[in-house]
Amino acid sequence: MHKVLERLNKIGTMDESLFNSVFSDEISAMEENLKKEGYEFFVPLQKTVQNFGMRKILLKRHLKSEVDSSNPPSDCKPQSEQWISTKDDLVGGYIDLILESTTYTELIDLKTGAITRDLLDDSGELFTEIKPEYSDQLKLYAYCYFESRGRYPDKLTIVDLEKKRFDVSFTHEECVILYNEAKTLLKAINEAIKNQIFTPLISEENCKYCLYRPACLYYNSYIENNTPFNDVIGNLETVIKHQNGNISISIKNNCGVYTVTGIETEEYSELLLRQGNKIGIYNLSKEAKEMVYSSRKTTVIYER
């Protein structure tokens, strides 16, 4: 929703009709891009994006509300979606908004989800802090800004959909430490991959939403020998076409025989040709019955 929010913010004051028109235009443009890039199964976004209607309401509320501003200098020029990186190009990113003048700089990041988390201190008292992944992101942006502009920003800010501002406190030393840690981690990962000693941590939390699952040898090996999250890989044993036109198949691997139902009719002939071969089928829905999954709009099948 960042792109939609950016355009709506640029327009400024608008009535209900104009808001709905701009929102609809931006969503349509996003859907067309998804189709061109081969992600047609995500269209329409109204059905595939979780809490789509609520997100639209929050965007509208965001635009109507007053920003809790820290009153930056009046000569600040806003710059949106600015790419900045370190001189070695190892760390970089797009900053949602930069407020910049000759004497002041504020880096602003827009978030659509929860900004903070609740924790207990040593005495058992509840306190709230900005999620570390968000504050670390802003601190790395601050270091990138320093490398590209020669000075650190004066302020780091996160803004949520209700236009509530969260100030991220930082020191120059913290930013340098984070940059060095990121660079060290990147080097270690690249060396591990180069020497083929990279061992990813396979888990539902880490892997369930990763778009690269079908190409990951580690992940595919794991789900052949463990109960999968929402994917199945193994030998295609049976292909059955039902009276309603839908297809169901059975796949056998080291864990047993899985049934996948609701596959679309046009897959029938291709599946028959691959009977007995190893296939991987991804983005399934888990049914209540053990070892049974159903196909959905985003399901894809690959021959392994």
C-alpha atoms as a PDB file:
ATOM      1  CA  MET A   1       0.000   0.000   0.000  1.00  0.00           C
ATOM      2  CA  HIS A   2       3.045   2.307   0.140  1.00  0.00           C
ATOM      3  CA  LYS A   3       2.713   3.351  -3.516  1.00  0.00           C
ATOM      4  CA  VAL A   4      -0.971   4.161  -3.045  1.00  0.00           C
ATOM      5  CA  LEU A   5      -0.219   6.166   0.095  1.00  0.00           C
ATOM      6  CA  GLU A   6       2.569   8.066  -1.666  1.00  0.00           C
ATOM      7  CA  ARG A   7       0.314   9.226  -4.498  1.00  0.00           C
ATOM      8  CA  LEU A   8      -2.546  10.118  -2.166  1.00  0.00           C
ATOM      9  CA  ASN A   9      -0.180  12.160   0.006  1.00  0.00           C
ATOM     10  CA  LYS A  10       1.084  14.073  -3.036  1.00  0.00           C
ATOM     11  CA  ILE A  11      -2.464  15.056  -4.027  1.00  0.00           C
ATOM     12  CA  GLY A  12      -3.223  16.411  -0.570  1.00  0.00           C
ATOM     13  CA  THR A  13      -6.761  17.433   0.393  1.00  0.00           C
ATOM     14  CA  MET A  14      -9.475  15.393  -1.317  1.00  0.00           C
ATOM     15  CA  ASP A  15     -13.111  14.452  -0.888  1.00  0.00           C
ATOM     16  CA  GLU A  16     -14.534  10.923  -0.666  1.00  0.00           C
ATOM     17  CA  SER A  17     -15.136  10.651  -4.409  1.00  0.00           C
ATOM     18  CA  LEU A  18     -11.602  11.703  -5.371  1.00  0.00           C
ATOM     19  CA  PHE A  19     -10.073   9.391  -2.756  1.00  0.00           C
ATOM     20  CA  ASN A  20     -12.016   6.402  -4.116  1.00  0.00           C
ATOM     21  CA  SER A  21     -11.095   7.283  -7.696  1.00  0.00           C
ATOM     22  CA  VAL A  22      -7.351   7.631  -6.986  1.00  0.00           C
ATOM     23  CA  PHE A  23      -7.334   4.508  -4.813  1.00  0.00           C
ATOM     24  CA  SER A  24      -9.069   2.497  -7.540  1.00  0.00           C
ATOM     25  CA  ASP A  25      -6.675   3.780 -10.233  1.00  0.00           C
ATOM     26  CA  GLU A  26      -3.598   2.866  -8.184  1.00  0.00           C
ATOM     27  CA  ILE A  27      -4.904  -0.611  -7.353  1.00  0.00           C
ATOM     28  CA  SER A  28      -5.710  -1.205 -11.046  1.00  0.00           C
ATOM     29  CA  ALA A  29      -2.186  -0.119 -12.034  1.00  0.00           C
ATOM     30  CA  MET A  30      -0.673  -2.461  -9.443  1.00  0.00           C
ATOM     31  CA  GLU A  31      -2.820  -5.345 -10.731  1.00  0.00           C
ATOM     32  CA  GLU A  32      -1.720  -4.709 -14.318  1.00  0.00           C
ATOM     33  CA  ASN A  33       1.932  -4.784 -13.252  1.00  0.00           C
ATOM     34  CA  LEU A  34       1.360  -8.049 -11.402  1.00  0.00           C
ATOM     35  CA  LYS A  35      -0.153  -9.579 -14.559  1.00  0.00           C
ATOM     36  CA  LYS A  36       2.780  -8.439 -16.692  1.00  0.00           C
ATOM     37  CA  GLU A  37       5.266  -9.933 -14.217  1.00  0.00           C
ATOM     38  CA  GLY A  38       3.493 -13.305 -14.183  1.00  0.00           C
ATOM     39  CA  TYR A  39       1.688 -12.927 -10.848  1.00  0.00           C
ATOM     40  CA  GLU A  40      -1.852 -12.881 -12.235  1.00  0.00           C
ATOM     41  CA  PHE A  41      -2.963 -15.262  -9.483  1.00  0.00           C
ATOM     42  CA  PHE A  42      -2.743 -12.340  -7.016  1.00  0.00           C
ATOM     43  CA  VAL A  43      -5.429 -10.457  -8.980  1.00  0.00           C
ATOM     44  CA  PRO A  44      -7.852  -9.092  -7.838  1.00  0.00           C
ATOM     45  CA  LEU A  45      -5.986  -7.687  -4.849  1.00  0.00           C
ATOM     46  CA  GLN A  46      -9.267  -7.090  -3.055  1.00  0.00           C
ATOM     47  CA  LYS A  47      -9.599 -10.856  -2.617  1.00  0.00           C
ATOM     48  CA  THR A  48      -5.950 -11.846  -2.123  1.00  0.00           C
ATOM     49  CA  VAL A  49      -4.681  -9.086   0.205  1.00  0.00           C
ATOM     50  CA  GLN A  50      -5.488  -9.778   3.831  1.00  0.00           C
ATOM     51  CA  ASN A  51      -7.745  -7.124   5.433  1.00  0.00           C
ATOM     52  CA  PHE A  52      -7.966  -5.201   2.142  1.00  0.00           C
ATOM     53  CA  GLY A  53     -11.045  -3.234   3.196  1.00  0.00           C
ATOM     54  CA  MET A  54      -9.582  -2.328   6.579  1.00  0.00           C
ATOM     55  CA  ARG A  55      -6.341  -1.171   4.937  1.00  0.00           C
ATOM     56  CA  LYS A  56      -8.355   1.159   2.694  1.00  0.00           C
ATOM     57  CA  ILE A  57     -10.187   2.585   5.709  1.00  0.00           C
ATOM     58  CA  LEU A  58      -6.897   3.132   7.561  1.00  0.00           C
ATOM     59  CA  LEU A  59      -5.410   4.897   4.533  1.00  0.00           C
ATOM     60  CA  LYS A  60      -8.394   7.224   4.415  1.00  0.00           C
ATOM     61  CA  ARG A  61      -8.130   7.883   8.158  1.00  0.00           C
ATOM     62  CA  HIS A  62      -4.402   8.528   7.757  1.00  0.00           C
ATOM     63  CA  LEU A  63      -4.997  11.223   5.138  1.00  0.00           C
ATOM     64  CA  LYS A  64      -7.725  12.929   7.168  1.00  0.00           C
ATOM     65  CA  SER A  65      -5.756  13.034  10.404  1.00  0.00           C
ATOM     66  CA  GLU A  66      -3.288  15.703  11.355  1.00  0.00           C
ATOM     67  CA  VAL A  67       0.366  14.659  11.506  1.00  0.00           C
ATOM     68  CA  ASP A  68       1.912  14.837  14.949  1.00  0.00           C
ATOM     69  CA  SER A  69       4.718  16.961  13.569  1.00  0.00           C
ATOM     70  CA  SER A  70       7.994  17.934  15.143  1.00  0.00           C
ATOM     71  CA  ASN A  71       7.887  21.161  13.096  1.00  0.00           C
ATOM     72  CA  PRO A  72      10.978  20.840  10.900  1.00  0.00           C
ATOM     73  CA  PRO A  73      12.344  24.048   9.360  1.00  0.00           C
ATOM     74  CA  SER A  74      10.007  25.642   6.844  1.00  0.00           C
ATOM     75  CA  ASP A  75      12.613  25.463   4.067  1.00  0.00           C
ATOM     76  CA  CYS A  76      12.754  21.627   4.197  1.00  0.00           C
ATOM     77  CA  LYS A  77      12.128  20.014   0.834  1.00  0.00           C
ATOM     78  CA  PRO A  78      10.370  16.628   0.905  1.00  0.00           C
ATOM     79  CA  GLN A  79      11.850  13.857  -1.248  1.00  0.00           C
ATOM     80  CA  SER A  80       9.986  10.551  -1.505  1.00  0.00           C
ATOM     81  CA  GLU A  81      11.249   7.061  -2.372  1.00  0.00           C
ATOM     82  CA  GLN A  82      14.929   8.034  -2.403  1.00  0.00           C
ATOM     83  CA  TRP A  83      17.552   5.306  -2.888  1.00  0.00           C
ATOM     84  CA  ILE A  84      20.676   5.714  -0.772  1.00  0.00           C
ATOM     85  CA  SER A  85      23.554   3.330  -0.200  1.00  0.00           C
ATOM     86  CA  THR A  86      27.007   3.080   1.293  1.00  0.00           C
ATOM     87  CA  LYS A  87      30.002   3.918  -0.892  1.00  0.00           C
ATOM     88  CA  ASP A  88      30.792   0.221  -1.312  1.00  0.00           C
ATOM     89  CA  ASP A  89      27.141  -0.464  -2.342  1.00  0.00           C
ATOM     90  CA  LEU A  90      26.941  -3.306   0.168  1.00  0.00           C
ATOM     91  CA  VAL A  91      24.115  -1.736   2.179  1.00  0.00           C
ATOM     92  CA  GLY A  92      21.321   0.387   0.766  1.00  0.00           C
ATOM     93  CA  GLY A  93      17.592   0.922   0.566  1.00  0.00           C
ATOM     94  CA  TYR A  94      14.726   3.179  -0.430  1.00  0.00           C
ATOM     95  CA  ILE A  95      13.787   5.783   2.165  1.00  0.00           C
ATOM     96  CA  ASP A  96      10.081   6.578   2.062  1.00  0.00           C
ATOM     97  CA  LEU A  97      10.514  10.271   2.809  1.00  0.00           C
ATOM     98  CA  ILE A  98      13.429  12.647   3.393  1.00  0.00           C
ATOM     99  CA  LEU A  99      12.853  16.140   4.803  1.00  0.00           C
ATOM    100  CA  GLU A 100      15.991  18.049   3.963  1.00  0.00           C
ATOM    101  CA  SER A 101      17.300  21.597   4.189  1.00  0.00           C
ATOM    102  CA  THR A 102      20.763  23.092   4.528  1.00  0.00           C
ATOM    103  CA  THR A 103      20.570  22.824   8.314  1.00  0.00           C
ATOM    104  CA  TYR A 104      18.208  19.913   9.011  1.00  0.00           C
ATOM    105  CA  THR A 105      17.516  16.365   7.787  1.00  0.00           C
ATOM    106  CA  GLU A 106      14.829  13.927   8.883  1.00  0.00           C
ATOM    107  CA  LEU A 107      14.493  10.407   7.516  1.00  0.00           C
ATOM    108  CA  ILE A 108      10.931   9.059   7.666  1.00  0.00           C
ATOM    109  CA  ASP A 109       9.797   5.487   7.130  1.00  0.00           C
ATOM    110  CA  LEU A 110       6.117   4.602   6.660  1.00  0.00           C
ATOM    111  CA  LYS A 111       4.842   1.349   8.169  1.00  0.00           C
ATOM    112  CA  THR A 112       1.439  -0.278   7.731  1.00  0.00           C
ATOM    113  CA  GLY A 113       1.752  -2.771  10.590  1.00  0.00           C
ATOM    114  CA  ALA A 114       2.375  -2.573  14.327  1.00  0.00           C
ATOM    115  CA  ILE A 115       5.444  -0.437  15.136  1.00  0.00           C
ATOM    116  CA  THR A 116       6.015  -1.466  18.738  1.00  0.00           C
ATOM    117  CA  ARG A 117       6.064  -4.575  20.907  1.00  0.00           C
ATOM    118  CA  ASP A 118       5.343  -5.079  24.598  1.00  0.00           C
ATOM    119  CA  LEU A 119       8.024  -6.603  26.817  1.00  0.00           C
ATOM    120  CA  LEU A 120       8.609  -7.284  30.510  1.00  0.00           C
ATOM    121  CA  ASP A 121      11.630  -5.809  32.249  1.00  0.00           C
ATOM    122  CA  ASP A 122      13.670  -7.551  34.956  1.00  0.00           C
ATOM    123  CA  SER A 123      11.227  -6.441  37.636  1.00  0.00           C
ATOM    124  CA  GLY A 124       8.216  -7.771  35.730  1.00  0.00           C
ATOM    125  CA  GLU A 125       6.981  -4.355  34.650  1.00  0.00           C
ATOM    126  CA  LEU A 126       5.489  -4.013  31.156  1.00  0.00           C
ATOM    127  CA  PHE A 127       7.164  -1.599  28.749  1.00  0.00           C
ATOM    128  CA  THR A 128       6.861  -0.822  25.046  1.00  0.00           C
ATOM    129  CA  GLU A 129       9.659  -0.485  22.521  1.00  0.00           C
ATOM    130  CA  ILE A 130       9.941  -0.003  18.775  1.00  0.00           C
ATOM    131  CA  LYS A 131      10.521  -3.334  17.057  1.00  0.00           C
ATOM    132  CA  PRO A 132      14.310  -3.780  16.718  1.00  0.00           C
ATOM    133  CA  GLU A 133      14.084  -4.650  13.021  1.00  0.00           C
ATOM    134  CA  TYR A 134      12.467  -1.248  12.386  1.00  0.00           C
ATOM    135  CA  SER A 135      14.862   0.813  14.497  1.00  0.00           C
ATOM    136  CA  ASP A 136      17.886  -1.024  13.054  1.00  0.00           C
ATOM    137  CA  GLN A 137      16.587  -0.341   9.539  1.00  0.00           C
ATOM    138  CA  LEU A 138      16.429   3.399  10.237  1.00  0.00           C
ATOM    139  CA  LYS A 139      19.901   3.404  11.786  1.00  0.00           C
ATOM    140  CA  LEU A 140      21.323   1.694   8.705  1.00  0.00           C
ATOM    141  CA  TYR A 141      19.571   4.327   6.569  1.00  0.00           C
ATOM    142  CA  ALA A 142      21.232   6.978   8.721  1.00  0.00           C
ATOM    143  CA  TYR A 143      24.652   5.485   8.000  1.00  0.00           C
ATOM    144  CA  CYS A 144      23.881   5.242   4.277  1.00  0.00           C
ATOM    145  CA  TYR A 145      22.808   8.890   4.343  1.00  0.00           C
ATOM    146  CA  PHE A 146      26.099   9.803   6.037  1.00  0.00           C
ATOM    147  CA  GLU A 147      28.106   7.943   3.394  1.00  0.00           C
ATOM    148  CA  SER A 148      26.212   9.515   0.507  1.00  0.00           C
ATOM    149  CA  ARG A 149      25.735  13.053   1.880  1.00  0.00           C
ATOM    150  CA  GLY A 150      28.677  13.443   4.244  1.00  0.00           C
ATOM    151  CA  ARG A 151      26.559  14.116   7.350  1.00  0.00           C
ATOM    152  CA  TYR A 152      24.181  12.235   9.607  1.00  0.00           C
ATOM    153  CA  PRO A 153      20.453  13.045   9.703  1.00  0.00           C
ATOM    154  CA  ASP A 154      19.170  15.018  12.673  1.00  0.00           C
ATOM    155  CA  LYS A 155      16.168  12.787  13.234  1.00  0.00           C
ATOM    156  CA  LEU A 156      14.847   9.313  12.425  1.00  0.00           C
ATOM    157  CA  THR A 157      11.087   8.831  12.440  1.00  0.00           C
ATOM    158  CA  ILE A 158       8.594   6.029  11.816  1.00  0.00           C
ATOM    159  CA  VAL A 159       5.008   6.990  10.903  1.00  0.00           C
ATOM    160  CA  ASP A 160       2.101   4.542  11.049  1.00  0.00           C
ATOM    161  CA  LEU A 161      -1.223   4.628   9.180  1.00  0.00           C
ATOM    162  CA  GLU A 162      -2.792   6.776  11.881  1.00  0.00           C
ATOM    163  CA  LYS A 163       0.008   9.326  11.377  1.00  0.00           C
ATOM    164  CA  LYS A 164       1.395   8.619  14.809  1.00  0.00           C
ATOM    165  CA  ARG A 165       5.111   9.339  14.896  1.00  0.00           C
ATOM    166  CA  PHE A 166       7.721   7.203  16.619  1.00  0.00           C
ATOM    167  CA  ASP A 167      11.134   8.776  17.113  1.00  0.00           C
ATOM    168  CA  VAL A 168      14.081   6.403  16.771  1.00  0.00           C
ATOM    169  CA  SER A 169      16.923   7.530  19.003  1.00  0.00           C
ATOM    170  CA  PHE A 170      20.400   6.808  17.685  1.00  0.00           C
ATOM    171  CA  THR A 171      24.077   7.623  17.974  1.00  0.00           C
ATOM    172  CA  HIS A 172      26.632   7.757  15.191  1.00  0.00           C
ATOM    173  CA  GLU A 173      28.516   4.928  16.880  1.00  0.00           C
ATOM    174  CA  GLU A 174      25.417   2.694  16.797  1.00  0.00           C
ATOM    175  CA  CYS A 175      25.007   3.274  13.073  1.00  0.00           C
ATOM    176  CA  VAL A 176      28.637   2.377  12.380  1.00  0.00           C
ATOM    177  CA  ILE A 177      28.371  -0.781  14.490  1.00  0.00           C
ATOM    178  CA  LEU A 178      25.222  -1.897  12.662  1.00  0.00           C
ATOM    179  CA  TYR A 179      26.830  -1.267   9.279  1.00  0.00           C
ATOM    180  CA  ASN A 180      29.912  -3.305  10.239  1.00  0.00           C
ATOM    181  CA  GLU A 181      27.701  -6.108  11.556  1.00  0.00           C
ATOM    182  CA  ALA A 182      25.689  -6.134   8.319  1.00  0.00           C
ATOM    183  CA  LYS A 183      28.865  -6.172   6.238  1.00  0.00           C
ATOM    184  CA  THR A 184      30.340  -9.007   8.318  1.00  0.00           C
ATOM    185  CA  LEU A 185      27.133 -11.034   8.042  1.00  0.00           C
ATOM    186  CA  LEU A 186      26.959 -10.513   4.283  1.00  0.00           C
ATOM    187  CA  LYS A 187      30.586 -11.605   3.876  1.00  0.00           C
ATOM    188  CA  ALA A 188      30.020 -14.712   6.006  1.00  0.00           C
ATOM    189  CA  ILE A 189      26.944 -15.703   4.005  1.00  0.00           C
ATOM    190  CA  ASN A 190      28.706 -15.222   0.673  1.00  0.00           C
ATOM    191  CA  GLU A 191      31.714 -17.242   1.857  1.00  0.00           C
ATOM    192  CA  ALA A 192      29.450 -20.029   3.127  1.00  0.00           C
ATOM    193  CA  ILE A 193      27.622 -20.199  -0.192  1.00  0.00           C
ATOM    194  CA  LYS A 194      30.880 -20.093  -2.163  1.00  0.00           C
ATOM    195  CA  ASN A 195      32.351 -22.944  -0.106  1.00  0.00           C
ATOM    196  CA  GLN A 196      29.061 -24.843  -0.113  1.00  0.00           C
ATOM    197  CA  ILE A 197      28.864 -24.895   3.661  1.00  0.00           C
ATOM    198  CA  PHE A 198      25.776 -22.718   3.873  1.00  0.00           C
ATOM    199  CA  THR A 199      23.213 -24.391   6.120  1.00  0.00           C
ATOM    200  CA  PRO A 200      19.945 -22.464   6.306  1.00  0.00           C
ATOM    201  CA  LEU A 201      17.707 -22.768   9.328  1.00  0.00           C
ATOM    202  CA  ILE A 202      14.628 -24.514   7.942  1.00  0.00           C
ATOM    203  CA  SER A 203      11.446 -23.851   9.916  1.00  0.00           C
ATOM    204  CA  GLU A 204       7.851 -22.908   9.282  1.00  0.00           C
ATOM    205  CA  GLU A 205       8.482 -19.400  10.586  1.00  0.00           C
ATOM    206  CA  ASN A 206      11.507 -18.880   8.324  1.00  0.00           C
ATOM    207  CA  CYS A 207      10.310 -20.610   5.169  1.00  0.00           C
ATOM    208  CA  LYS A 208       6.533 -20.597   4.902  1.00  0.00           C
ATOM    209  CA  TYR A 209       6.283 -17.308   3.002  1.00  0.00           C
ATOM    210  CA  CYS A 210       9.615 -17.400   1.170  1.00  0.00           C
ATOM    211  CA  LEU A 211       9.097 -16.989  -2.590  1.00  0.00           C
ATOM    212  CA  TYR A 212      12.261 -18.983  -3.327  1.00  0.00           C
ATOM    213  CA  ARG A 213      11.093 -22.237  -1.704  1.00  0.00           C
ATOM    214  CA  PRO A 214      10.684 -24.140  -4.996  1.00  0.00           C
ATOM    215  CA  ALA A 215      14.338 -23.426  -5.919  1.00  0.00           C
ATOM    216  CA  CYS A 216      15.827 -24.146  -2.479  1.00  0.00           C
ATOM    217  CA  LEU A 217      17.577 -27.533  -2.355  1.00  0.00           C
ATOM    218  CA  TYR A 218      17.729 -27.441   1.446  1.00  0.00           C
ATOM    219  CA  TYR A 219      14.023 -26.761   1.823  1.00  0.00           C
ATOM    220  CA  ASN A 220      12.967 -29.371  -0.729  1.00  0.00           C
ATOM    221  CA  SER A 221      15.142 -31.994   0.926  1.00  0.00           C
ATOM    222  CA  TYR A 222      13.594 -31.093   4.273  1.00  0.00           C
ATOM    223  CA  ILE A 223       9.950 -31.476   3.195  1.00  0.00           C
ATOM    224  CA  GLU A 224      10.663 -34.861   1.619  1.00  0.00           C
ATOM    225  CA  ASN A 225      11.511 -36.152   5.085  1.00  0.00           C
ATOM    226  CA  ASN A 226       9.332 -34.005   7.347  1.00  0.00           C
ATOM    227  CA  THR A 227       5.681 -33.016   7.507  1.00  0.00           C
ATOM    228  CA  PRO A 228       5.432 -29.987   5.190  1.00  0.00           C
ATOM    229  CA  PHE A 229       3.924 -26.612   6.011  1.00  0.00           C
ATOM    230  CA  ASN A 230       1.974 -25.858   2.838  1.00  0.00           C
ATOM    231  CA  ASP A 231       4.014 -27.696   0.180  1.00  0.00           C
ATOM    232  CA  VAL A 232       4.463 -31.336  -0.841  1.00  0.00           C
ATOM    233  CA  ILE A 233       7.298 -32.960  -2.798  1.00  0.00           C
ATOM    234  CA  GLY A 234       7.569 -36.593  -3.865  1.00  0.00           C
ATOM    235  CA  ASN A 235       6.735 -39.139  -6.569  1.00  0.00           C
ATOM    236  CA  LEU A 236       3.452 -38.593  -8.382  1.00  0.00           C
ATOM    237  CA  GLU A 237       1.558 -41.885  -7.972  1.00  0.00           C
ATOM    238  CA  THR A 238      -2.045 -41.378  -9.095  1.00  0.00           C
ATOM    239  CA  VAL A 239      -3.954 -38.765 -11.088  1.00  0.00           C
ATOM    240  CA  ILE A 240      -7.760 -38.837 -10.853  1.00  0.00           C
ATOM    241  CA  LYS A 241     -10.202 -36.660 -12.769  1.00  0.00           C
ATOM    242  CA  HIS A 242     -13.562 -36.171 -11.022  1.00  0.00           C
ATOM    243  CA  GLN A 243     -16.978 -35.524 -12.535  1.00  0.00           C
ATOM    244  CA  ASN A 244     -16.839 -31.837 -11.615  1.00  0.00           C
ATOM    245  CA  GLY A 245     -13.649 -31.535 -13.702  1.00  0.00           C
ATOM    246  CA  ASN A 246     -11.272 -31.065 -10.798  1.00  0.00           C
ATOM    247  CA  ILE A 247      -8.196 -33.235 -10.366  1.00  0.00           C
ATOM    248  CA  SER A 248      -6.893 -35.006  -7.293  1.00  0.00           C
ATOM    249  CA  ILE A 249      -3.453 -36.596  -7.072  1.00  0.00           C
ATOM    250  CA  SER A 250      -1.460 -38.672  -4.629  1.00  0.00           C
ATOM    251  CA  ILE A 251       2.220 -38.004  -3.910  1.00  0.00           C
ATOM    252  CA  LYS A 252       4.489 -40.390  -2.033  1.00  0.00           C
ATOM    253  CA  ASN A 253       7.646 -39.466  -0.157  1.00  0.00           C
ATOM    254  CA  ASN A 254       9.527 -40.636   2.931  1.00  0.00           C
ATOM    255  CA  CYS A 255       6.730 -39.470   5.238  1.00  0.00           C
ATOM    256  CA  GLY A 256       3.943 -41.344   3.459  1.00  0.00           C
ATOM    257  CA  VAL A 257       1.294 -40.702   0.822  1.00  0.00           C
ATOM    258  CA  TYR A 258      -0.266 -37.256   0.510  1.00  0.00           C
ATOM    259  CA  THR A 259      -3.493 -36.392  -1.295  1.00  0.00           C
ATOM    260  CA  VAL A 260      -3.884 -33.053  -3.079  1.00  0.00           C
ATOM    261  CA  THR A 261      -7.394 -32.124  -4.242  1.00  0.00           C
ATOM    262  CA  GLY A 262      -8.985 -29.317  -6.246  1.00  0.00           C
ATOM    263  CA  ILE A 263      -6.355 -29.048  -8.981  1.00  0.00           C
ATOM    264  CA  GLU A 264      -7.705 -27.330 -12.108  1.00  0.00           C
ATOM    265  CA  THR A 265      -8.746 -29.382 -15.140  1.00  0.00           C
ATOM    266  CA  GLU A 266      -6.128 -27.969 -17.521  1.00  0.00           C
ATOM    267  CA  GLU A 267      -3.379 -29.616 -15.473  1.00  0.00           C
ATOM    268  CA  TYR A 268      -4.731 -33.130 -16.154  1.00  0.00           C
ATOM    269  CA  SER A 269      -2.814 -34.080 -19.298  1.00  0.00           C
ATOM    270  CA  GLU A 270       0.484 -32.647 -17.993  1.00  0.00           C
ATOM    271  CA  LEU A 271       0.135 -34.551 -14.730  1.00  0.00           C
ATOM    272  CA  LEU A 272      -0.649 -37.825 -16.547  1.00  0.00           C
ATOM    273  CA  LEU A 273       2.561 -37.454 -18.537  1.00  0.00           C
ATOM    274  CA  ARG A 274       4.552 -37.077 -15.320  1.00  0.00           C
ATOM    275  CA  GLN A 275       2.995 -39.941 -13.412  1.00  0.00           C
ATOM    276  CA  GLY A 276       5.815 -41.797 -11.640  1.00  0.00           C
ATOM    277  CA  ASN A 277       8.101 -38.740 -11.705  1.00  0.00           C
ATOM    278  CA  LYS A 278       9.070 -36.548  -8.774  1.00  0.00           C
ATOM    279  CA  ILE A 279       7.115 -33.279  -8.556  1.00  0.00           C
ATOM    280  CA  GLY A 280       6.858 -30.442  -6.090  1.00  0.00           C
ATOM    281  CA  ILE A 281       3.558 -28.684  -5.454  1.00  0.00           C
ATOM    282  CA  TYR A 282       3.653 -25.400  -3.525  1.00  0.00           C
ATOM    283  CA  ASN A 283       1.230 -22.988  -1.824  1.00  0.00           C
ATOM    284  CA  LEU A 284      -1.376 -25.527  -0.738  1.00  0.00           C
ATOM    285  CA  SER A 285      -4.048 -25.318   1.943  1.00  0.00           C
ATOM    286  CA  LYS A 286      -3.897 -27.869   4.754  1.00  0.00           C
ATOM    287  CA  GLU A 287      -7.167 -29.747   5.234  1.00  0.00           C
ATOM    288  CA  ALA A 288      -8.448 -31.078   8.561  1.00  0.00           C
ATOM    289  CA  LYS A 289      -7.833 -34.663   7.492  1.00  0.00           C
ATOM    290  CA  GLU A 290      -4.260 -35.846   7.996  1.00  0.00           C
ATOM    291  CA  MET A 291      -2.040 -35.951   4.869  1.00  0.00           C
ATOM    292  CA  VAL A 292      -4.665 -34.108   2.762  1.00  0.00           C
ATOM    293  CA  TYR A 293      -4.122 -30.727   1.084  1.00  0.00           C
ATOM    294  CA  SER A 294      -6.161 -28.693  -1.390  1.00  0.00           C
ATOM    295  CA  SER A 295      -5.095 -26.529  -4.294  1.00  0.00           C
ATOM    296  CA  ARG A 296      -5.713 -22.783  -4.259  1.00  0.00           C
ATOM    297  CA  LYS A 297      -5.290 -19.863  -6.625  1.00  0.00           C
ATOM    298  CA  THR A 298      -1.572 -19.409  -5.902  1.00  0.00           C
ATOM    299  CA  THR A 299      -0.676 -23.121  -6.114  1.00  0.00           C
ATOM    300  CA  VAL A 300       2.173 -23.960  -8.515  1.00  0.00           C
ATOM    301  CA  ILE A 301       3.558 -27.329  -9.642  1.00  0.00           C
ATOM    302  CA  TYR A 302       7.139 -28.091 -10.704  1.00  0.00           C
ATOM    303  CA  GLU A 303       8.785 -31.255 -11.953  1.00  0.00           C
ATOM    304  CA  ARG A 304      11.820 -31.942  -9.794  1.00  0.00           C
END
